[in-house]
């Protein structure tokens, strides 16, 4: 419920949102993120890229602050970000690429295992 009452979500540095970011995206709440060095700091960055929403991915701490302030004070831009997020949900939530790749991996492992046991 708090996501529906908020104007902006500020993703944390070094340990990016996972499930939380997915919930925020589901609410069309604009997210400001700055990808970290390691995977744990890049989840939200990846989600936003899948959505085609790179406007709120900051390059550094100063950019993060500037993007957050702009989202906070520019309701028209904030609304356009939220609308684009909504229109692009299918790119993230309906993406079957990882499922298909995992299925292919399991099939290859099974095939290899069966050929080794023969």
Protein backbone atom coordinates (compact mmCIF):
# COMPACT_ATOMS: atom_id res chain seq x y z
CA UNK A 1 0.00 0.00 0.00
CA UNK A 2 2.87 2.37 0.72
CA UNK A 3 3.98 2.06 -2.92
CA UNK A 4 0.59 3.29 -4.06
CA UNK A 5 0.85 6.30 -1.76
CA UNK A 6 4.41 7.25 -2.75
CA UNK A 7 5.64 9.46 -5.59
CA UNK A 8 9.14 8.03 -6.01
CA UNK A 9 11.04 4.92 -4.93
CA UNK A 10 14.73 5.36 -4.11
CA UNK A 11 16.65 2.14 -4.68
CA UNK A 12 19.52 1.57 -2.26
CA UNK A 13 23.17 1.67 -3.22
CA UNK A 14 25.28 -1.52 -3.23
CA UNK A 15 22.30 -3.81 -2.55
CA UNK A 16 19.60 -3.20 -5.10
CA UNK A 17 15.97 -4.16 -4.74
CA UNK A 18 14.80 -7.54 -6.00
CA UNK A 19 11.27 -8.48 -5.01
CA UNK A 20 10.72 -4.99 -3.64
CA UNK A 21 11.60 -3.43 -6.98
CA UNK A 22 9.29 -5.84 -8.79
CA UNK A 23 6.46 -4.83 -6.46
CA UNK A 24 7.26 -1.14 -7.03
CA UNK A 25 7.26 -1.65 -10.81
CA UNK A 26 3.92 -3.44 -10.52
CA UNK A 27 2.57 -0.28 -8.88
CA UNK A 28 4.06 1.92 -11.64
CA UNK A 29 6.05 3.83 -9.06
CA UNK A 30 9.08 5.52 -10.66
CA UNK A 31 12.36 4.12 -9.35
CA UNK A 32 15.69 5.91 -9.07
CA UNK A 33 18.64 3.52 -9.08
CA UNK A 34 22.38 3.60 -9.52
CA UNK A 35 23.88 0.24 -10.46
CA UNK A 36 26.63 -1.08 -8.24
CA UNK A 37 29.77 -3.02 -9.04
CA UNK A 38 28.32 -6.44 -8.16
CA UNK A 39 25.15 -8.25 -9.26
CA UNK A 40 23.46 -7.56 -5.91
CA UNK A 41 23.55 -3.87 -6.77
CA UNK A 42 22.24 -4.25 -10.31
CA UNK A 43 18.82 -5.93 -10.02
CA UNK A 44 16.72 -2.80 -10.40
CA UNK A 45 19.01 -1.56 -13.17
CA UNK A 46 18.31 -4.78 -15.09
CA UNK A 47 14.56 -4.62 -14.49
CA UNK A 48 14.40 -1.04 -15.74
CA UNK A 49 16.45 -1.90 -18.81
CA UNK A 50 14.07 -4.76 -19.63
CA UNK A 51 11.23 -2.26 -19.36
CA UNK A 52 13.09 0.14 -21.66
CA UNK A 53 13.09 2.68 -18.83
CA UNK A 54 16.64 3.98 -18.53
CA UNK A 55 15.67 7.60 -17.68
CA UNK A 56 15.90 6.98 -13.95
CA UNK A 57 19.11 4.92 -13.94
CA UNK A 58 21.74 7.24 -12.52
CA UNK A 59 25.38 7.22 -13.57
CA UNK A 60 26.71 8.21 -10.14
CA UNK A 61 25.59 9.57 -6.75
CA UNK A 62 25.21 13.17 -7.97
CA UNK A 63 23.10 12.05 -10.93
CA UNK A 64 21.01 9.89 -8.55
CA UNK A 65 20.23 12.96 -6.45
CA UNK A 66 19.39 15.05 -9.51
CA UNK A 67 17.06 12.40 -10.96
CA UNK A 68 15.34 11.95 -7.58
CA UNK A 69 14.81 15.70 -7.21
CA UNK A 70 13.47 16.00 -10.76
CA UNK A 71 11.01 13.16 -10.16
CA UNK A 72 9.94 14.70 -6.88
CA UNK A 73 9.33 18.17 -8.27
CA UNK A 74 8.20 17.47 -11.85
CA UNK A 75 4.79 15.75 -11.68
CA UNK A 76 4.43 15.66 -15.48
CA UNK A 77 7.72 13.79 -15.93
CA UNK A 78 6.89 11.50 -13.01
CA UNK A 79 3.51 10.72 -14.58
CA UNK A 80 5.07 10.01 -17.99
CA UNK A 81 7.55 7.61 -16.37
CA UNK A 82 4.72 5.82 -14.55
CA UNK A 83 2.66 5.55 -17.74
CA UNK A 84 5.58 4.14 -19.73
CA UNK A 85 6.26 1.64 -16.96
CA UNK A 86 2.65 0.49 -17.12
CA UNK A 87 2.73 0.16 -20.90
CA UNK A 88 5.92 -1.94 -20.77
CA UNK A 89 5.06 -4.36 -17.95
CA UNK A 90 4.86 -7.20 -20.46
CA UNK A 91 8.57 -6.82 -21.27
CA UNK A 92 9.44 -7.77 -17.70
CA UNK A 93 6.58 -9.78 -16.28
CA UNK A 94 5.78 -11.83 -19.42
CA UNK A 95 9.36 -12.41 -20.61
CA UNK A 96 9.84 -16.13 -21.26
CA UNK A 97 13.51 -16.01 -22.33
CA UNK A 98 14.90 -17.11 -18.96
CA UNK A 99 12.33 -19.93 -18.67
CA UNK A 100 13.14 -21.19 -22.17
CA UNK A 101 16.89 -21.02 -21.49
CA UNK A 102 16.54 -22.88 -18.18
CA UNK A 103 14.41 -25.54 -19.87
CA UNK A 104 17.08 -26.00 -22.58
CA UNK A 105 19.76 -26.27 -19.89
CA UNK A 106 17.84 -28.99 -18.02
CA UNK A 107 17.24 -30.90 -21.24
CA UNK A 108 20.96 -30.75 -22.08
CA UNK A 109 21.93 -31.91 -18.58
CA UNK A 110 19.47 -34.80 -18.80
CA UNK A 111 20.70 -35.77 -22.28
CA UNK A 112 24.34 -35.65 -21.11
CA UNK A 113 23.53 -37.63 -17.97
CA UNK A 114 21.69 -40.30 -19.92
CA UNK A 115 24.50 -40.64 -22.47
CA UNK A 116 27.10 -41.00 -19.68
CA UNK A 117 25.08 -43.70 -17.92
CA UNK A 118 24.65 -45.76 -21.10
